[in-house]
Protein backbone atom coordinates (compact mmCIF):
# COMPACT_ATOMS: atom_id res chain seq x y z
CA PHE A 1 185.05 64.93 137.68
CA PRO A 2 187.79 66.68 139.62
CA SER A 3 186.38 68.57 142.59
CA SER A 4 188.24 71.73 141.53
CA LEU A 5 185.86 72.12 138.57
CA LEU A 6 182.95 72.53 140.97
CA SER A 7 184.57 75.19 143.12
CA PRO A 8 183.11 78.71 142.97
CA CYS A 9 186.08 79.96 140.99
CA CYS A 10 185.27 77.67 138.10
CA LEU A 11 181.52 78.11 137.83
CA PRO A 12 180.30 80.36 135.02
CA ARG A 13 179.77 83.93 136.21
CA PRO A 14 177.91 86.79 134.58
CA LEU A 15 180.03 89.51 133.06
CA LEU A 16 180.79 92.06 135.77
CA LEU A 17 180.20 95.61 134.62
CA PRO A 18 180.57 98.83 136.60
CA CYS A 19 177.50 99.74 138.63
CA ASN A 20 175.43 102.73 137.66
CA CYS A 21 174.88 104.43 141.01
CA SER A 22 173.49 107.69 139.61
CA GLY A 23 176.55 109.52 140.93
CA ARG A 24 175.45 108.79 144.53
CA SER A 25 177.87 105.96 145.42
CA GLU A 26 181.18 104.46 144.33
CA GLU A 27 180.45 101.10 145.96
CA CYS A 28 178.39 98.22 144.66
CA GLU A 29 178.06 94.49 145.15
CA PHE A 30 176.76 91.65 143.04
CA ASP A 31 173.19 90.54 143.79
CA MET A 32 172.29 87.23 142.13
CA GLU A 33 168.54 87.60 142.75
CA GLN A 34 168.54 91.03 141.11
CA TYR A 35 170.59 89.60 138.22
CA ARG A 36 168.03 86.82 137.70
CA SER A 37 165.10 89.22 137.67
CA THR A 38 166.57 92.18 135.75
CA GLY A 39 169.72 91.01 133.97
CA SER A 40 171.76 93.52 135.96
CA GLY A 41 173.35 92.21 139.14
CA GLY A 42 175.07 95.35 140.38
CA ARG A 43 173.45 96.72 143.57
CA CYS A 44 174.79 100.01 144.90
CA VAL A 45 175.60 100.31 148.60
CA SER A 46 176.17 103.36 150.80
CA CYS A 47 173.98 105.66 148.67
CA ARG A 48 174.47 109.35 149.50
CA ASP A 49 172.07 112.29 149.60
CA HIS A 50 169.27 110.25 151.23
CA THR A 51 168.85 108.07 148.12
CA ALA A 52 167.99 104.38 147.91
CA GLY A 53 167.35 101.65 145.34
CA PRO A 54 169.62 99.29 143.41
CA HIS A 55 171.12 102.27 141.55
CA CYS A 56 170.58 105.02 144.18
CA GLU A 57 167.86 106.20 141.78
CA ARG A 58 165.12 107.23 144.19
CA CYS A 59 164.70 109.03 147.49
CA ARG A 60 164.55 107.15 150.75
CA GLU A 61 161.16 106.87 152.39
CA ASN A 62 159.87 110.21 153.74
CA HIS A 63 162.23 112.22 151.48
CA HIS A 64 161.65 114.11 148.23
CA ARG A 65 163.40 116.00 145.42
CA GLY A 66 162.30 118.01 142.43
CA SER A 67 164.64 116.34 139.92
CA ALA A 68 167.12 113.46 139.71
CA GLU A 69 170.05 115.91 139.87
CA GLU A 70 169.00 117.35 143.24
CA PRO A 71 169.79 115.72 146.58
CA CYS A 72 166.80 114.25 148.41
CA ARG A 73 165.51 116.28 151.35
CA PRO A 74 163.44 115.17 154.35
CA CYS A 75 159.68 115.74 153.99
CA ASN A 76 159.31 117.00 157.59
CA CYS A 77 155.56 116.30 157.60
CA ASN A 78 154.01 117.26 160.93
CA VAL A 79 153.13 114.02 162.71
CA ASN A 80 149.88 115.43 164.12
CA GLY A 81 148.73 117.39 161.08
CA SER A 82 149.57 115.01 158.24
CA VAL A 83 147.95 111.77 157.13
CA GLY A 84 151.41 110.17 156.69
CA LEU A 85 155.07 111.11 156.70
CA GLN A 86 155.62 110.85 152.92
CA CYS A 87 155.31 113.99 150.79
CA ASP A 88 155.10 114.56 147.04
CA ALA A 89 158.06 115.50 144.80
CA GLY A 90 157.53 119.17 145.64
CA GLY A 91 157.70 118.55 149.40
CA ARG A 92 153.97 118.95 150.14
CA CYS A 93 152.49 116.62 152.73
CA VAL A 94 148.91 115.29 152.72
CA CYS A 95 147.10 117.10 155.53
CA ARG A 96 144.33 115.94 157.83
CA VAL A 97 140.95 117.71 157.75
CA GLY A 98 141.25 121.22 159.17
CA VAL A 99 145.03 121.40 158.69
CA THR A 100 147.02 123.30 156.05
CA GLY A 101 150.60 124.23 155.14
CA GLU A 102 153.33 122.52 153.14
CA THR A 103 154.21 120.32 156.13
CA CYS A 104 150.67 120.32 157.62
CA ASP A 105 151.66 122.39 160.64
CA THR A 106 148.92 125.05 160.69
CA CYS A 107 145.20 124.96 161.51
CA ARG A 108 142.86 126.23 158.78
CA ALA A 109 140.58 129.18 159.50
CA GLY A 110 137.80 128.04 161.82
CA PHE A 111 139.97 125.30 163.36
CA HIS A 112 142.33 125.45 166.34
CA SER A 113 144.59 123.45 168.66
CA LEU A 114 146.76 121.29 166.40
CA GLY A 115 147.27 118.07 168.30
CA HIS A 116 147.19 114.31 167.89
CA GLY A 117 144.71 113.70 165.08
CA GLY A 118 144.81 117.21 163.59
CA CYS A 119 142.99 120.45 164.44
CA ARG A 120 139.66 120.84 166.23
C-alpha cells in the first residue's frame, strides 16, 4: 500500500455543505464528533447577537429573546434578589421570597432592605 493513500487528503470525507448559522455568523468549521452524532458536521463560530449553539440557534447563558428573529438580550437578574441569573424568554427572572420585579430588584410590600439573600 503506498503511504500516500493513507494521508488525510485521500481518506473519505463527508460531503461539505454550507453551515446554517441562523443568520448570526458567516464562519463555521467541521466538527467530526457532531457529524457522528447528528449527521451534520458544520459548527458555527463567532456567533453574533449573544447567540450560541452549533447553528447559533439559541441564546447564550443568562440571555433571552422573544423570537428567533430577535437578538438575544442580557437577563440582568439582580444577584441578590433572584434565585439564579437565567430568565425566561420574556426576560423575567425567578425571584427570591419577598422580592418582585422583572429583574427581581424590588422588595414586596411588607419586606425591606434588599441585600444578599433577598429582602427581609
